[in-house]
């Protein structure tokens, strides 16, 4: 897991991502598909469930438990 700034991390593996969303279901996940296509989810969002075999970190994911921090991205 890469620490980008205080309260913001970027998972490098599917396992890191899945562990984080399990531990912080109300944390914020910023899914960056491109510089103009960005979606924000809660960790508990159903979009991440049941994706067997899919690489969940192909799109850049920024993880934060702090709402104020996520608003700056």
N, C-alpha and C. Protein backbone atom coordinates (compact mmCIF):
# COMPACT_ATOMS: atom_id res chain seq x y z
N UNK A 1 0.85 -1.17 0.00
CA UNK A 1 0.00 0.00 0.00
C UNK A 1 0.90 1.23 0.00
N UNK A 2 0.71 2.09 -0.99
CA UNK A 2 1.48 3.34 -1.06
C UNK A 2 0.76 4.41 -0.25
N UNK A 3 1.49 5.08 0.60
CA UNK A 3 0.97 6.23 1.35
C UNK A 3 1.27 7.47 0.50
N UNK A 4 0.24 8.18 0.04
CA UNK A 4 0.45 9.33 -0.83
C UNK A 4 0.62 10.61 -0.02
N UNK A 5 -0.31 10.88 0.82
CA UNK A 5 -0.26 12.00 1.76
C UNK A 5 -0.97 11.53 3.02
N UNK A 6 -0.98 12.37 4.02
CA UNK A 6 -1.67 11.99 5.25
C UNK A 6 -3.12 11.62 4.95
N UNK A 7 -3.55 10.46 5.39
CA UNK A 7 -4.92 9.96 5.23
C UNK A 7 -5.29 9.51 3.82
N UNK A 8 -4.35 9.44 2.89
CA UNK A 8 -4.66 8.96 1.53
C UNK A 8 -3.65 7.89 1.15
N UNK A 9 -4.18 6.73 0.73
CA UNK A 9 -3.33 5.62 0.31
C UNK A 9 -3.78 5.12 -1.05
N UNK A 10 -2.90 4.38 -1.69
CA UNK A 10 -3.21 3.77 -2.98
C UNK A 10 -2.82 2.29 -2.90
N UNK A 11 -3.79 1.38 -3.04
CA UNK A 11 -3.45 -0.04 -2.99
C UNK A 11 -2.67 -0.47 -4.23
N UNK A 12 -1.72 -1.36 -4.02
CA UNK A 12 -0.93 -1.86 -5.14
C UNK A 12 -1.37 -3.26 -5.56
N UNK A 13 -2.16 -3.92 -4.72
CA UNK A 13 -2.65 -5.25 -5.05
C UNK A 13 -4.13 -5.36 -4.70
N UNK A 14 -4.78 -6.34 -5.30
CA UNK A 14 -6.18 -6.61 -5.00
C UNK A 14 -6.36 -6.93 -3.51
N UNK A 15 -5.43 -7.68 -2.96
CA UNK A 15 -5.51 -8.07 -1.56
C UNK A 15 -5.46 -6.86 -0.63
N UNK A 16 -4.57 -5.91 -0.93
CA UNK A 16 -4.51 -4.69 -0.13
C UNK A 16 -5.83 -3.93 -0.20
N UNK A 17 -6.39 -3.83 -1.40
CA UNK A 17 -7.66 -3.12 -1.57
C UNK A 17 -8.78 -3.82 -0.81
N UNK A 18 -8.89 -5.12 -0.97
CA UNK A 18 -9.96 -5.86 -0.29
C UNK A 18 -9.83 -5.79 1.23
N UNK A 19 -8.62 -5.84 1.74
CA UNK A 19 -8.40 -5.72 3.18
C UNK A 19 -8.83 -4.34 3.66
N UNK A 20 -8.47 -3.30 2.91
CA UNK A 20 -8.83 -1.95 3.31
C UNK A 20 -10.34 -1.75 3.34
N UNK A 21 -11.05 -2.20 2.29
CA UNK A 21 -12.51 -1.98 2.28
C UNK A 21 -13.21 -2.83 3.35
N UNK A 22 -12.62 -3.95 3.68
CA UNK A 22 -13.19 -4.76 4.78
C UNK A 22 -13.01 -4.04 6.12
N UNK A 23 -11.84 -3.45 6.32
CA UNK A 23 -11.55 -2.76 7.58
C UNK A 23 -12.22 -1.39 7.68
N UNK A 24 -12.48 -0.75 6.55
CA UNK A 24 -13.05 0.61 6.55
C UNK A 24 -14.25 0.69 5.60
N UNK A 25 -15.34 0.00 5.90
CA UNK A 25 -16.49 -0.01 4.99
C UNK A 25 -17.11 1.37 4.77
N UNK A 26 -16.89 2.29 5.68
CA UNK A 26 -17.40 3.65 5.49
C UNK A 26 -16.32 4.61 5.02
N UNK A 27 -15.16 4.05 4.64
CA UNK A 27 -14.09 4.86 4.07
C UNK A 27 -14.44 5.23 2.63
N UNK A 28 -13.70 6.16 2.07
CA UNK A 28 -13.96 6.65 0.72
C UNK A 28 -13.00 6.03 -0.28
N UNK A 29 -13.54 5.57 -1.39
CA UNK A 29 -12.75 5.01 -2.48
C UNK A 29 -12.97 5.91 -3.68
N UNK A 30 -11.89 6.51 -4.17
CA UNK A 30 -11.95 7.31 -5.38
C UNK A 30 -11.39 6.45 -6.50
N UNK A 31 -12.24 6.11 -7.45
CA UNK A 31 -11.88 5.24 -8.57
C UNK A 31 -11.63 6.12 -9.78
N UNK A 32 -10.36 6.22 -10.19
CA UNK A 32 -9.98 7.08 -11.32
C UNK A 32 -9.78 6.23 -12.57
N UNK A 33 -10.78 6.26 -13.44
CA UNK A 33 -10.67 5.53 -14.70
C UNK A 33 -9.85 6.33 -15.70
N UNK A 34 -9.92 7.64 -15.62
CA UNK A 34 -9.11 8.56 -16.43
C UNK A 34 -9.11 9.90 -15.70
N UNK A 35 -8.43 10.88 -16.25
CA UNK A 35 -8.38 12.18 -15.59
C UNK A 35 -9.74 12.87 -15.55
N UNK A 36 -10.66 12.46 -16.42
CA UNK A 36 -11.99 13.08 -16.44
C UNK A 36 -13.10 12.13 -16.02
N UNK A 37 -12.78 10.89 -15.76
CA UNK A 37 -13.78 9.89 -15.36
C UNK A 37 -13.42 9.36 -13.98
N UNK A 38 -14.03 9.98 -12.97
CA UNK A 38 -13.73 9.67 -11.58
C UNK A 38 -15.04 9.37 -10.86
N UNK A 39 -15.06 8.28 -10.09
CA UNK A 39 -16.24 7.91 -9.33
C UNK A 39 -15.83 7.71 -7.88
N UNK A 40 -16.68 8.18 -6.98
CA UNK A 40 -16.41 7.98 -5.57
C UNK A 40 -17.40 6.98 -5.00
N UNK A 41 -16.89 6.09 -4.17
CA UNK A 41 -17.69 5.05 -3.54
C UNK A 41 -17.37 5.02 -2.05
N UNK A 42 -18.25 4.41 -1.28
CA UNK A 42 -17.89 3.98 0.08
C UNK A 42 -17.22 2.62 -0.06
N UNK A 43 -16.40 2.25 0.89
CA UNK A 43 -15.76 0.93 0.87
C UNK A 43 -16.76 -0.20 0.78
N UNK A 44 -17.91 -0.03 1.40
CA UNK A 44 -18.93 -1.09 1.42
C UNK A 44 -19.75 -1.16 0.14
N UNK A 45 -19.46 -0.34 -0.84
CA UNK A 45 -20.22 -0.30 -2.10
C UNK A 45 -20.22 -1.66 -2.78
N UNK A 46 -21.35 -2.05 -3.28
CA UNK A 46 -21.50 -3.34 -3.94
C UNK A 46 -20.73 -3.49 -5.24
N UNK A 47 -20.21 -2.40 -5.80
CA UNK A 47 -19.44 -2.49 -7.04
C UNK A 47 -18.19 -3.36 -6.89
N UNK A 48 -17.72 -3.51 -5.67
CA UNK A 48 -16.47 -4.26 -5.46
C UNK A 48 -16.71 -5.71 -5.05
N UNK A 49 -17.94 -6.10 -4.87
CA UNK A 49 -18.26 -7.45 -4.44
C UNK A 49 -18.45 -8.38 -5.64
N UNK A 50 -18.02 -9.61 -5.49
CA UNK A 50 -18.27 -10.62 -6.51
C UNK A 50 -17.48 -10.48 -7.79
N UNK A 51 -16.41 -9.74 -7.76
CA UNK A 51 -15.58 -9.57 -8.95
C UNK A 51 -14.46 -10.60 -8.98
N UNK A 52 -14.83 -11.86 -8.93
CA UNK A 52 -13.85 -12.94 -8.91
C UNK A 52 -13.01 -12.89 -10.19
N UNK A 53 -11.70 -12.88 -10.00
CA UNK A 53 -10.80 -12.89 -11.14
C UNK A 53 -10.54 -11.53 -11.76
N UNK A 54 -11.30 -10.51 -11.39
CA UNK A 54 -11.11 -9.18 -11.95
C UNK A 54 -10.07 -8.42 -11.13
N UNK A 55 -9.17 -7.74 -11.80
CA UNK A 55 -8.16 -6.96 -11.10
C UNK A 55 -8.77 -5.64 -10.64
N UNK A 56 -9.01 -5.53 -9.35
CA UNK A 56 -9.70 -4.36 -8.81
C UNK A 56 -8.79 -3.14 -8.68
N UNK A 57 -7.52 -3.26 -9.00
CA UNK A 57 -6.65 -2.09 -8.94
C UNK A 57 -6.12 -1.68 -10.32
N UNK A 58 -6.73 -2.20 -11.39
CA UNK A 58 -6.36 -1.76 -12.74
C UNK A 58 -6.59 -0.26 -12.85
N UNK A 59 -7.78 0.19 -12.46
CA UNK A 59 -8.05 1.62 -12.37
C UNK A 59 -7.43 2.12 -11.08
N UNK A 60 -6.86 3.29 -11.13
CA UNK A 60 -6.24 3.84 -9.93
C UNK A 60 -7.30 4.06 -8.85
N UNK A 61 -7.01 3.61 -7.65
CA UNK A 61 -7.90 3.78 -6.51
C UNK A 61 -7.17 4.59 -5.44
N UNK A 62 -7.82 5.61 -4.95
CA UNK A 62 -7.31 6.38 -3.83
C UNK A 62 -8.23 6.12 -2.66
N UNK A 63 -7.67 5.82 -1.52
CA UNK A 63 -8.43 5.42 -0.34
C UNK A 63 -8.22 6.42 0.78
N UNK A 64 -9.32 6.83 1.39
CA UNK A 64 -9.23 7.77 2.49
C UNK A 64 -10.36 7.53 3.48
N UNK A 65 -10.07 7.67 4.75
CA UNK A 65 -11.10 7.59 5.78
C UNK A 65 -11.58 8.98 6.16
N UNK A 66 -10.99 10.00 5.59
CA UNK A 66 -11.26 11.38 5.96
C UNK A 66 -12.00 12.09 4.83
N UNK A 67 -13.22 12.53 5.09
CA UNK A 67 -14.02 13.19 4.06
C UNK A 67 -13.36 14.46 3.55
N UNK A 68 -12.78 15.24 4.41
CA UNK A 68 -12.14 16.48 3.99
C UNK A 68 -10.99 16.20 3.02
N UNK A 69 -10.21 15.17 3.28
CA UNK A 69 -9.11 14.81 2.40
C UNK A 69 -9.62 14.39 1.04
N UNK A 70 -10.67 13.58 1.00
CA UNK A 70 -11.15 13.09 -0.29
C UNK A 70 -11.73 14.21 -1.13
N UNK A 71 -12.21 15.29 -0.52
CA UNK A 71 -12.77 16.40 -1.28
C UNK A 71 -11.70 17.18 -2.01
N UNK A 72 -10.44 16.99 -1.67
CA UNK A 72 -9.36 17.72 -2.33
C UNK A 72 -8.87 16.99 -3.59
N UNK A 73 -9.38 15.78 -3.84
CA UNK A 73 -8.94 15.01 -5.02
C UNK A 73 -9.94 15.10 -6.12
